[in-house]
Amino acid sequence: MQYLVSVIDDKSNPGSTDRQPAISVFNERLIEDGYWVFAGGLADTDAATVVDNRGEQAVLTDGPFLESKEYLAGFWIWEAPDLDVVLKLAAEASKVCDRKIEVRPFQ
């Protein structure tokens, strides 16, 4: 089963900015152990654009769809046999990247 593993940062209490070397080592282990599918870091929320084309015309709005002190900073997609494995890896990921982690299975 595949899981979306979201990295949550907090504008009022951000994670450490020097975590990239540790994250790279963690990512290499995910690849070697066969859990890695894809990952990516995201630009700051100031770079976001919301597109709403549910009406007569598309409306483009600068900024995130939701103003919040917490925001999505990046994500992984992992393939694992069950949720227990992913939660164990997510606990490690939270420590490695010094941020909260949210785990959600794909439907």
PDB file of N, CA and C in Angstrom:
ATOM      1  N   MET A   1       0.842  -1.173   0.000  1.00  0.00           N
ATOM      2  CA  MET A   1       0.000   0.000   0.000  1.00  0.00           C
ATOM      3  C   MET A   1       0.890   1.240   0.000  1.00  0.00           C
ATOM      4  N   GLN A   2       0.408   2.293  -0.635  1.00  0.00           N
ATOM      5  CA  GLN A   2       1.153   3.546  -0.668  1.00  0.00           C
ATOM      6  C   GLN A   2       0.568   4.543   0.319  1.00  0.00           C
ATOM      7  N   TYR A   3       1.460   5.390   0.844  1.00  0.00           N
ATOM      8  CA  TYR A   3       1.092   6.387   1.852  1.00  0.00           C
ATOM      9  C   TYR A   3       1.666   7.743   1.478  1.00  0.00           C
ATOM     10  N   LEU A   4       0.876   8.784   1.712  1.00  0.00           N
ATOM     11  CA  LEU A   4       1.362  10.156   1.617  1.00  0.00           C
ATOM     12  C   LEU A   4       1.874  10.534   2.996  1.00  0.00           C
ATOM     13  N   VAL A   5       3.132  10.891   3.068  1.00  0.00           N
ATOM     14  CA  VAL A   5       3.765  11.249   4.330  1.00  0.00           C
ATOM     15  C   VAL A   5       4.120  12.733   4.231  1.00  0.00           C
ATOM     16  N   SER A   6       3.326  13.569   4.903  1.00  0.00           N
ATOM     17  CA  SER A   6       3.459  15.019   4.789  1.00  0.00           C
ATOM     18  C   SER A   6       4.335  15.584   5.895  1.00  0.00           C
ATOM     19  N   VAL A   7       5.183  16.517   5.524  1.00  0.00           N
ATOM     20  CA  VAL A   7       6.042  17.217   6.471  1.00  0.00           C
ATOM     21  C   VAL A   7       5.372  18.547   6.800  1.00  0.00           C
ATOM     22  N   ILE A   8       5.061  18.738   8.075  1.00  0.00           N
ATOM     23  CA  ILE A   8       4.339  19.927   8.525  1.00  0.00           C
ATOM     24  C   ILE A   8       5.300  20.853   9.256  1.00  0.00           C
ATOM     25  N   ASP A   9       5.426  22.083   8.788  1.00  0.00           N
ATOM     26  CA  ASP A   9       6.256  23.067   9.492  1.00  0.00           C
ATOM     27  C   ASP A   9       5.339  24.069  10.175  1.00  0.00           C
ATOM     28  N   ASP A  10       5.915  24.893  11.011  1.00  0.00           N
ATOM     29  CA  ASP A  10       5.151  25.830  11.845  1.00  0.00           C
ATOM     30  C   ASP A  10       5.839  27.185  11.790  1.00  0.00           C
ATOM     31  N   LYS A  11       5.155  28.192  11.264  1.00  0.00           N
ATOM     32  CA  LYS A  11       5.759  29.519  11.129  1.00  0.00           C
ATOM     33  C   LYS A  11       6.142  30.129  12.475  1.00  0.00           C
ATOM     34  N   SER A  12       5.404  29.799  13.536  1.00  0.00           N
ATOM     35  CA  SER A  12       5.717  30.376  14.846  1.00  0.00           C
ATOM     36  C   SER A  12       6.792  29.572  15.584  1.00  0.00           C
ATOM     37  N   ASN A  13       7.069  28.347  15.149  1.00  0.00           N
ATOM     38  CA  ASN A  13       8.082  27.504  15.782  1.00  0.00           C
ATOM     39  C   ASN A  13       8.666  26.567  14.726  1.00  0.00           C
ATOM     40  N   PRO A  14       9.418  27.134  13.757  1.00  0.00           N
ATOM     41  CA  PRO A  14       9.888  26.320  12.631  1.00  0.00           C
ATOM     42  C   PRO A  14      10.926  25.286  13.041  1.00  0.00           C
ATOM     43  N   GLY A  15      10.999  24.234  12.243  1.00  0.00           N
ATOM     44  CA  GLY A  15      12.026  23.221  12.455  1.00  0.00           C
ATOM     45  C   GLY A  15      13.395  23.764  12.080  1.00  0.00           C
ATOM     46  N   SER A  16      14.428  23.024  12.454  1.00  0.00           N
ATOM     47  CA  SER A  16      15.804  23.420  12.152  1.00  0.00           C
ATOM     48  C   SER A  16      16.018  23.523  10.647  1.00  0.00           C
ATOM     49  N   THR A  17      16.828  24.461  10.231  1.00  0.00           N
ATOM     50  CA  THR A  17      17.096  24.651   8.803  1.00  0.00           C
ATOM     51  C   THR A  17      18.316  23.865   8.332  1.00  0.00           C
ATOM     52  N   ASP A  18      19.033  23.206   9.232  1.00  0.00           N
ATOM     53  CA  ASP A  18      20.259  22.492   8.880  1.00  0.00           C
ATOM     54  C   ASP A  18      20.044  20.992   8.756  1.00  0.00           C
ATOM     55  N   ARG A  19      18.852  20.557   8.476  1.00  0.00           N
ATOM     56  CA  ARG A  19      18.505  19.134   8.500  1.00  0.00           C
ATOM     57  C   ARG A  19      18.750  18.398   7.180  1.00  0.00           C
ATOM     58  N   GLN A  20      19.063  19.110   6.101  1.00  0.00           N
ATOM     59  CA  GLN A  20      19.152  18.462   4.792  1.00  0.00           C
ATOM     60  C   GLN A  20      20.140  17.305   4.731  1.00  0.00           C
ATOM     61  N   PRO A  21      21.335  17.403   5.315  1.00  0.00           N
ATOM     62  CA  PRO A  21      22.230  16.229   5.260  1.00  0.00           C
ATOM     63  C   PRO A  21      21.615  14.988   5.926  1.00  0.00           C
ATOM     64  N   ALA A  22      20.976  15.152   7.067  1.00  0.00           N
ATOM     65  CA  ALA A  22      20.346  14.018   7.762  1.00  0.00           C
ATOM     66  C   ALA A  22      19.161  13.483   6.955  1.00  0.00           C
ATOM     67  N   ILE A  23      18.408  14.367   6.329  1.00  0.00           N
ATOM     68  CA  ILE A  23      17.276  13.945   5.499  1.00  0.00           C
ATOM     69  C   ILE A  23      17.785  13.147   4.296  1.00  0.00           C
ATOM     70  N   SER A  24      18.890  13.577   3.704  1.00  0.00           N
ATOM     71  CA  SER A  24      19.455  12.848   2.556  1.00  0.00           C
ATOM     72  C   SER A  24      19.869  11.437   2.955  1.00  0.00           C
ATOM     73  N   VAL A  25      20.473  11.276   4.127  1.00  0.00           N
ATOM     74  CA  VAL A  25      20.857   9.947   4.614  1.00  0.00           C
ATOM     75  C   VAL A  25      19.607   9.096   4.837  1.00  0.00           C
ATOM     76  N   PHE A  26      18.581   9.676   5.454  1.00  0.00           N
ATOM     77  CA  PHE A  26      17.323   8.967   5.687  1.00  0.00           C
ATOM     78  C   PHE A  26      16.699   8.549   4.353  1.00  0.00           C
ATOM     79  N   ASN A  27      16.700   9.458   3.375  1.00  0.00           N
ATOM     80  CA  ASN A  27      16.139   9.140   2.057  1.00  0.00           C
ATOM     81  C   ASN A  27      16.886   7.983   1.400  1.00  0.00           C
ATOM     82  N   GLU A  28      18.209   7.972   1.511  1.00  0.00           N
ATOM     83  CA  GLU A  28      18.992   6.870   0.939  1.00  0.00           C
ATOM     84  C   GLU A  28      18.587   5.538   1.568  1.00  0.00           C
ATOM     85  N   ARG A  29      18.332   5.540   2.869  1.00  0.00           N
ATOM     86  CA  ARG A  29      17.902   4.312   3.539  1.00  0.00           C
ATOM     87  C   ARG A  29      16.521   3.879   3.054  1.00  0.00           C
ATOM     88  N   LEU A  30      15.612   4.856   2.873  1.00  0.00           N
ATOM     89  CA  LEU A  30      14.281   4.529   2.345  1.00  0.00           C
ATOM     90  C   LEU A  30      14.386   3.877   0.971  1.00  0.00           C
ATOM     91  N   ILE A  31      15.277   4.401   0.141  1.00  0.00           N
ATOM     92  CA  ILE A  31      15.480   3.849  -1.205  1.00  0.00           C
ATOM     93  C   ILE A  31      16.038   2.432  -1.113  1.00  0.00           C
ATOM     94  N   GLU A  32      17.083   2.259  -0.305  1.00  0.00           N
ATOM     95  CA  GLU A  32      17.719   0.943  -0.159  1.00  0.00           C
ATOM     96  C   GLU A  32      16.750  -0.107   0.377  1.00  0.00           C
ATOM     97  N   ASP A  33      15.864   0.300   1.301  1.00  0.00           N
ATOM     98  CA  ASP A  33      14.928  -0.644   1.921  1.00  0.00           C
ATOM     99  C   ASP A  33      13.644  -0.840   1.109  1.00  0.00           C
ATOM    100  N   GLY A  34      13.524  -0.120  -0.018  1.00  0.00           N
ATOM    101  CA  GLY A  34      12.395  -0.321  -0.913  1.00  0.00           C
ATOM    102  C   GLY A  34      11.110   0.417  -0.550  1.00  0.00           C
ATOM    103  N   TYR A  35      11.185   1.395   0.357  1.00  0.00           N
ATOM    104  CA  TYR A  35       9.985   2.151   0.758  1.00  0.00           C
ATOM    105  C   TYR A  35       9.755   3.395  -0.106  1.00  0.00           C
ATOM    106  N   TRP A  36      10.807   3.919  -0.674  1.00  0.00           N
ATOM    107  CA  TRP A  36      10.763   5.183  -1.415  1.00  0.00           C
ATOM    108  C   TRP A  36       9.983   5.040  -2.709  1.00  0.00           C
ATOM    109  N   VAL A  37       9.046   5.950  -2.952  1.00  0.00           N
ATOM    110  CA  VAL A  37       8.382   6.067  -4.248  1.00  0.00           C
ATOM    111  C   VAL A  37       8.727   7.424  -4.852  1.00  0.00           C
ATOM    112  N   PHE A  38       8.546   8.489  -4.059  1.00  0.00           N
ATOM    113  CA  PHE A  38       8.797   9.856  -4.534  1.00  0.00           C
ATOM    114  C   PHE A  38       8.841  10.777  -3.329  1.00  0.00           C
ATOM    115  N   ALA A  39       9.502  11.922  -3.471  1.00  0.00           N
ATOM    116  CA  ALA A  39       9.516  12.927  -2.408  1.00  0.00           C
ATOM    117  C   ALA A  39       9.799  14.290  -3.011  1.00  0.00           C
ATOM    118  N   GLY A  40       9.439  15.329  -2.284  1.00  0.00           N
ATOM    119  CA  GLY A  40       9.738  16.680  -2.716  1.00  0.00           C
ATOM    120  C   GLY A  40       9.517  17.690  -1.609  1.00  0.00           C
ATOM    121  N   GLY A  41      10.383  18.681  -1.577  1.00  0.00           N
ATOM    122  CA  GLY A  41      10.185  19.817  -0.683  1.00  0.00           C
ATOM    123  C   GLY A  41       9.399  20.889  -1.422  1.00  0.00           C
ATOM    124  N   LEU A  42       8.673  21.695  -0.687  1.00  0.00           N
ATOM    125  CA  LEU A  42       7.841  22.722  -1.306  1.00  0.00           C
ATOM    126  C   LEU A  42       8.354  24.119  -0.982  1.00  0.00           C
ATOM    127  N   ALA A  43       8.156  25.040  -1.924  1.00  0.00           N
ATOM    128  CA  ALA A  43       8.493  26.446  -1.696  1.00  0.00           C
ATOM    129  C   ALA A  43       7.605  27.000  -0.589  1.00  0.00           C
ATOM    130  N   ASP A  44       7.987  28.130  -0.055  1.00  0.00           N
ATOM    131  CA  ASP A  44       7.213  28.786   1.000  1.00  0.00           C
ATOM    132  C   ASP A  44       5.788  29.067   0.533  1.00  0.00           C
ATOM    133  N   THR A  45       4.880  29.177   1.466  1.00  0.00           N
ATOM    134  CA  THR A  45       3.469  29.418   1.143  1.00  0.00           C
ATOM    135  C   THR A  45       3.253  30.718   0.379  1.00  0.00           C
ATOM    136  N   ASP A  46       4.178  31.664   0.490  1.00  0.00           N
ATOM    137  CA  ASP A  46       4.069  32.924  -0.270  1.00  0.00           C
ATOM    138  C   ASP A  46       4.114  32.679  -1.777  1.00  0.00           C
ATOM    139  N   ALA A  47       4.665  31.537  -2.193  1.00  0.00           N
ATOM    140  CA  ALA A  47       4.770  31.214  -3.617  1.00  0.00           C
ATOM    141  C   ALA A  47       3.538  30.484  -4.150  1.00  0.00           C
ATOM    142  N   ALA A  48       2.576  30.193  -3.275  1.00  0.00           N
ATOM    143  CA  ALA A  48       1.392  29.423  -3.675  1.00  0.00           C
ATOM    144  C   ALA A  48       0.384  30.277  -4.438  1.00  0.00           C
ATOM    145  N   THR A  49      -0.350  29.628  -5.335  1.00  0.00           N
ATOM    146  CA  THR A  49      -1.483  30.241  -6.031  1.00  0.00           C
ATOM    147  C   THR A  49      -2.644  29.255  -5.969  1.00  0.00           C
ATOM    148  N   VAL A  50      -3.809  29.754  -5.586  1.00  0.00           N
ATOM    149  CA  VAL A  50      -5.016  28.933  -5.545  1.00  0.00           C
ATOM    150  C   VAL A  50      -5.813  29.208  -6.819  1.00  0.00           C
ATOM    151  N   VAL A  51      -6.224  28.152  -7.515  1.00  0.00           N
ATOM    152  CA  VAL A  51      -7.020  28.262  -8.735  1.00  0.00           C
ATOM    153  C   VAL A  51      -8.405  27.692  -8.441  1.00  0.00           C
ATOM    154  N   ASP A  52      -9.446  28.514  -8.640  1.00  0.00           N
ATOM    155  CA  ASP A  52     -10.828  28.074  -8.435  1.00  0.00           C
ATOM    156  C   ASP A  52     -11.598  28.306  -9.726  1.00  0.00           C
ATOM    157  N   ASN A  53     -11.865  27.224 -10.444  1.00  0.00           N
ATOM    158  CA  ASN A  53     -12.574  27.320 -11.721  1.00  0.00           C
ATOM    159  C   ASN A  53     -13.938  26.644 -11.629  1.00  0.00           C
ATOM    160  N   ARG A  54     -14.603  26.814 -10.504  1.00  0.00           N
ATOM    161  CA  ARG A  54     -15.929  26.209 -10.329  1.00  0.00           C
ATOM    162  C   ARG A  54     -17.051  27.113 -10.811  1.00  0.00           C
ATOM    163  N   GLY A  55     -16.745  28.339 -11.136  1.00  0.00           N
ATOM    164  CA  GLY A  55     -17.776  29.274 -11.578  1.00  0.00           C
ATOM    165  C   GLY A  55     -17.667  29.559 -13.062  1.00  0.00           C
ATOM    166  N   GLU A  56     -18.089  30.745 -13.447  1.00  0.00           N
ATOM    167  CA  GLU A  56     -18.064  31.165 -14.849  1.00  0.00           C
ATOM    168  C   GLU A  56     -16.647  31.343 -15.372  1.00  0.00           C
ATOM    169  N   GLN A  57     -15.753  31.743 -14.481  1.00  0.00           N
ATOM    170  CA  GLN A  57     -14.391  32.062 -14.892  1.00  0.00           C
ATOM    171  C   GLN A  57     -13.435  31.644 -13.776  1.00  0.00           C
ATOM    172  N   ALA A  58     -12.232  31.231 -14.172  1.00  0.00           N
ATOM    173  CA  ALA A  58     -11.230  30.841 -13.178  1.00  0.00           C
ATOM    174  C   ALA A  58     -10.812  32.053 -12.354  1.00  0.00           C
ATOM    175  N   VAL A  59     -10.711  31.843 -11.041  1.00  0.00           N
ATOM    176  CA  VAL A  59     -10.248  32.887 -10.121  1.00  0.00           C
ATOM    177  C   VAL A  59      -8.914  32.425  -9.556  1.00  0.00           C
ATOM    178  N   LEU A  60      -7.895  33.269  -9.707  1.00  0.00           N
ATOM    179  CA  LEU A  60      -6.566  32.977  -9.185  1.00  0.00           C
ATOM    180  C   LEU A  60      -6.316  33.860  -7.979  1.00  0.00           C
ATOM    181  N   THR A  61      -5.878  33.240  -6.883  1.00  0.00           N
ATOM    182  CA  THR A  61      -5.626  33.969  -5.647  1.00  0.00           C
ATOM    183  C   THR A  61      -4.216  33.659  -5.174  1.00  0.00           C
ATOM    184  N   ASP A  62      -3.445  34.689  -4.865  1.00  0.00           N
ATOM    185  CA  ASP A  62      -2.101  34.488  -4.331  1.00  0.00           C
ATOM    186  C   ASP A  62      -2.175  33.964  -2.909  1.00  0.00           C
ATOM    187  N   GLY A  63      -1.200  33.127  -2.577  1.00  0.00           N
ATOM    188  CA  GLY A  63      -1.098  32.626  -1.217  1.00  0.00           C
ATOM    189  C   GLY A  63      -1.746  31.271  -1.061  1.00  0.00           C
ATOM    190  N   PRO A  64      -1.581  30.677   0.109  1.00  0.00           N
ATOM    191  CA  PRO A  64      -2.123  29.339   0.352  1.00  0.00           C
ATOM    192  C   PRO A  64      -3.644  29.354   0.419  1.00  0.00           C
ATOM    193  N   PHE A  65      -4.253  28.178   0.225  1.00  0.00           N
ATOM    194  CA  PHE A  65      -5.707  28.097   0.268  1.00  0.00           C
ATOM    195  C   PHE A  65      -6.236  28.318   1.666  1.00  0.00           C
ATOM    196  N   LEU A  66      -5.376  28.147   2.665  1.00  0.00           N
ATOM    197  CA  LEU A  66      -5.780  28.311   4.055  1.00  0.00           C
ATOM    198  C   LEU A  66      -4.677  29.045   4.799  1.00  0.00           C
ATOM    199  N   GLU A  67      -5.008  30.146   5.452  1.00  0.00           N
ATOM    200  CA  GLU A  67      -4.037  30.858   6.274  1.00  0.00           C
ATOM    201  C   GLU A  67      -3.905  30.128   7.600  1.00  0.00           C
ATOM    202  N   SER A  68      -2.705  29.720   7.933  1.00  0.00           N
ATOM    203  CA  SER A  68      -2.469  28.959   9.141  1.00  0.00           C
ATOM    204  C   SER A  68      -1.012  29.110   9.546  1.00  0.00           C
ATOM    205  N   LYS A  69      -0.735  28.951  10.836  1.00  0.00           N
ATOM    206  CA  LYS A  69       0.669  28.983  11.256  1.00  0.00           C
ATOM    207  C   LYS A  69       1.389  27.711  10.822  1.00  0.00           C
ATOM    208  N   GLU A  70       0.654  26.594  10.663  1.00  0.00           N
ATOM    209  CA  GLU A  70       1.241  25.363  10.168  1.00  0.00           C
ATOM    210  C   GLU A  70       0.979  25.232   8.669  1.00  0.00           C
ATOM    211  N   TYR A  71       1.929  24.635   7.977  1.00  0.00           N
ATOM    212  CA  TYR A  71       1.792  24.502   6.531  1.00  0.00           C
ATOM    213  C   TYR A  71       2.559  23.279   6.038  1.00  0.00           C
ATOM    214  N   LEU A  72       2.199  22.815   4.859  1.00  0.00           N
ATOM    215  CA  LEU A  72       2.856  21.683   4.226  1.00  0.00           C
ATOM    216  C   LEU A  72       4.198  22.144   3.657  1.00  0.00           C
ATOM    217  N   ALA A  73       5.282  21.583   4.187  1.00  0.00           N
ATOM    218  CA  ALA A  73       6.622  21.984   3.771  1.00  0.00           C
ATOM    219  C   ALA A  73       7.233  21.020   2.760  1.00  0.00           C
ATOM    220  N   GLY A  74       6.708  19.802   2.711  1.00  0.00           N
ATOM    221  CA  GLY A  74       7.222  18.803   1.793  1.00  0.00           C
ATOM    222  C   GLY A  74       6.487  17.499   2.007  1.00  0.00           C
ATOM    223  N   PHE A  75       6.870  16.481   1.252  1.00  0.00           N
ATOM    224  CA  PHE A  75       6.162  15.205   1.373  1.00  0.00           C
ATOM    225  C   PHE A  75       7.009  14.073   0.815  1.00  0.00           C
ATOM    226  N   TRP A  76       6.661  12.891   1.247  1.00  0.00           N
ATOM    227  CA  TRP A  76       7.167  11.646   0.672  1.00  0.00           C
ATOM    228  C   TRP A  76       5.950  10.838   0.238  1.00  0.00           C
ATOM    229  N   ILE A  77       6.158   9.947  -0.705  1.00  0.00           N
ATOM    230  CA  ILE A  77       5.219   8.866  -0.969  1.00  0.00           C
ATOM    231  C   ILE A  77       6.007   7.590  -0.729  1.00  0.00           C
ATOM    232  N   TRP A  78       5.504   6.788   0.210  1.00  0.00           N
ATOM    233  CA  TRP A  78       6.168   5.541   0.579  1.00  0.00           C
ATOM    234  C   TRP A  78       5.282   4.359   0.221  1.00  0.00           C
ATOM    235  N   GLU A  79       5.911   3.264  -0.099  1.00  0.00           N
ATOM    236  CA  GLU A  79       5.244   1.979  -0.320  1.00  0.00           C
ATOM    237  C   GLU A  79       5.666   1.069   0.831  1.00  0.00           C
ATOM    238  N   ALA A  80       4.693   0.544   1.570  1.00  0.00           N
ATOM    239  CA  ALA A  80       5.008  -0.305   2.715  1.00  0.00           C
ATOM    240  C   ALA A  80       3.917  -1.361   2.890  1.00  0.00           C
ATOM    241  N   PRO A  81       4.248  -2.467   3.550  1.00  0.00           N
ATOM    242  CA  PRO A  81       3.279  -3.550   3.705  1.00  0.00           C
ATOM    243  C   PRO A  81       2.108  -3.210   4.616  1.00  0.00           C
ATOM    244  N   ASP A  82       2.338  -2.304   5.584  1.00  0.00           N
ATOM    245  CA  ASP A  82       1.234  -1.955   6.487  1.00  0.00           C
ATOM    246  C   ASP A  82       1.512  -0.647   7.221  1.00  0.00           C
ATOM    247  N   LEU A  83       0.493  -0.152   7.894  1.00  0.00           N
ATOM    248  CA  LEU A  83       0.574   1.133   8.586  1.00  0.00           C
ATOM    249  C   LEU A  83       1.607   1.122   9.707  1.00  0.00           C
ATOM    250  N   ASP A  84       1.770   0.006  10.387  1.00  0.00           N
ATOM    251  CA  ASP A  84       2.744  -0.060  11.487  1.00  0.00           C
ATOM    252  C   ASP A  84       4.155   0.273  11.000  1.00  0.00           C
ATOM    253  N   VAL A  85       4.531  -0.252   9.857  1.00  0.00           N
ATOM    254  CA  VAL A  85       5.847   0.033   9.286  1.00  0.00           C
ATOM    255  C   VAL A  85       5.973   1.522   8.987  1.00  0.00           C
ATOM    256  N   VAL A  86       4.935   2.096   8.371  1.00  0.00           N
ATOM    257  CA  VAL A  86       4.968   3.515   7.996  1.00  0.00           C
ATOM    258  C   VAL A  86       5.028   4.405   9.228  1.00  0.00           C
ATOM    259  N   LEU A  87       4.293   4.071  10.270  1.00  0.00           N
ATOM    260  CA  LEU A  87       4.310   4.899  11.482  1.00  0.00           C
ATOM    261  C   LEU A  87       5.676   4.868  12.160  1.00  0.00           C
ATOM    262  N   LYS A  88       6.332   3.729  12.120  1.00  0.00           N
ATOM    263  CA  LYS A  88       7.690   3.648  12.669  1.00  0.00           C
ATOM    264  C   LYS A  88       8.645   4.524  11.858  1.00  0.00           C
ATOM    265  N   LEU A  89       8.552   4.439  10.531  1.00  0.00           N
ATOM    266  CA  LEU A  89       9.382   5.283   9.672  1.00  0.00           C
ATOM    267  C   LEU A  89       9.043   6.761   9.854  1.00  0.00           C
ATOM    268  N   ALA A  90       7.764   7.071  10.018  1.00  0.00           N
ATOM    269  CA  ALA A  90       7.341   8.461  10.199  1.00  0.00           C
ATOM    270  C   ALA A  90       7.904   9.041  11.498  1.00  0.00           C
ATOM    271  N   ALA A  91       7.983   8.234  12.544  1.00  0.00           N
ATOM    272  CA  ALA A  91       8.577   8.705  13.802  1.00  0.00           C
ATOM    273  C   ALA A  91      10.047   9.057  13.573  1.00  0.00           C
ATOM    274  N   GLU A  92      10.752   8.225  12.813  1.00  0.00           N
ATOM    275  CA  GLU A  92      12.146   8.527  12.469  1.00  0.00           C
ATOM    276  C   GLU A  92      12.231   9.791  11.618  1.00  0.00           C
ATOM    277  N   ALA A  93      11.329   9.919  10.645  1.00  0.00           N
ATOM    278  CA  ALA A  93      11.329  11.081   9.752  1.00  0.00           C
ATOM    279  C   ALA A  93      11.108  12.370  10.537  1.00  0.00           C
ATOM    280  N   SER A  94      10.207  12.333  11.500  1.00  0.00           N
ATOM    281  CA  SER A  94       9.941  13.516  12.321  1.00  0.00           C
ATOM    282  C   SER A  94      11.196  13.952  13.062  1.00  0.00           C
ATOM    283  N   LYS A  95      11.931  12.991  13.595  1.00  0.00           N
ATOM    284  CA  LYS A  95      13.179  13.294  14.306  1.00  0.00           C
ATOM    285  C   LYS A  95      14.218  13.840  13.336  1.00  0.00           C
ATOM    286  N   VAL A  96      14.346  13.181  12.178  1.00  0.00           N
ATOM    287  CA  VAL A  96      15.367  13.556  11.197  1.00  0.00           C
ATOM    288  C   VAL A  96      15.143  14.963  10.658  1.00  0.00           C
ATOM    289  N   CYS A  97      13.896  15.294  10.319  1.00  0.00           N
ATOM    290  CA  CYS A  97      13.657  16.611   9.709  1.00  0.00           C
ATOM    291  C   CYS A  97      13.192  17.664  10.714  1.00  0.00           C
ATOM    292  N   ASP A  98      13.048  17.290  11.984  1.00  0.00           N
ATOM    293  CA  ASP A  98      12.699  18.225  13.055  1.00  0.00           C
ATOM    294  C   ASP A  98      11.370  18.936  12.768  1.00  0.00           C
ATOM    295  N   ARG A  99      10.399  18.155  12.319  1.00  0.00           N
ATOM    296  CA  ARG A  99       9.081  18.695  12.018  1.00  0.00           C
ATOM    297  C   ARG A  99       8.030  17.624  12.285  1.00  0.00           C
ATOM    298  N   LYS A 100       6.772  18.052  12.385  1.00  0.00           N
ATOM    299  CA  LYS A 100       5.674  17.103  12.512  1.00  0.00           C
ATOM    300  C   LYS A 100       5.512  16.354  11.189  1.00  0.00           C
ATOM    301  N   ILE A 101       4.960  15.150  11.288  1.00  0.00           N
ATOM    302  CA  ILE A 101       4.707  14.324  10.107  1.00  0.00           C
ATOM    303  C   ILE A 101       3.255  13.839  10.166  1.00  0.00           C
ATOM    304  N   GLU A 102       2.551  13.938   9.043  1.00  0.00           N
ATOM    305  CA  GLU A 102       1.211  13.385   8.921  1.00  0.00           C
ATOM    306  C   GLU A 102       1.257  12.230   7.933  1.00  0.00           C
ATOM    307  N   VAL A 103       0.628  11.118   8.286  1.00  0.00           N
ATOM    308  CA  VAL A 103       0.582   9.924   7.435  1.00  0.00           C
ATOM    309  C   VAL A 103      -0.848   9.692   6.987  1.00  0.00           C
ATOM    310  N   ARG A 104      -1.042   9.515   5.679  1.00  0.00           N
ATOM    311  CA  ARG A 104      -2.367   9.195   5.141  1.00  0.00           C
ATOM    312  C   ARG A 104      -2.228   8.162   4.042  1.00  0.00           C
ATOM    313  N   PRO A 105      -2.974   7.072   4.136  1.00  0.00           N
ATOM    314  CA  PRO A 105      -2.929   6.068   3.069  1.00  0.00           C
ATOM    315  C   PRO A 105      -3.681   6.566   1.837  1.00  0.00           C
ATOM    316  N   PHE A 106      -3.215   6.138   0.681  1.00  0.00           N
ATOM    317  CA  PHE A 106      -3.964   6.397  -0.550  1.00  0.00           C
ATOM    318  C   PHE A 106      -5.163   5.473  -0.583  1.00  0.00           C
ATOM    319  N   GLN A 107      -6.234   5.899  -1.219  1.00  0.00           N
ATOM    320  CA  GLN A 107      -7.429   5.061  -1.342  1.00  0.00           C
ATOM    321  C   GLN A 107      -7.197   3.958  -2.334  1.00  0.00           C
TER     322      GLN A 107
END
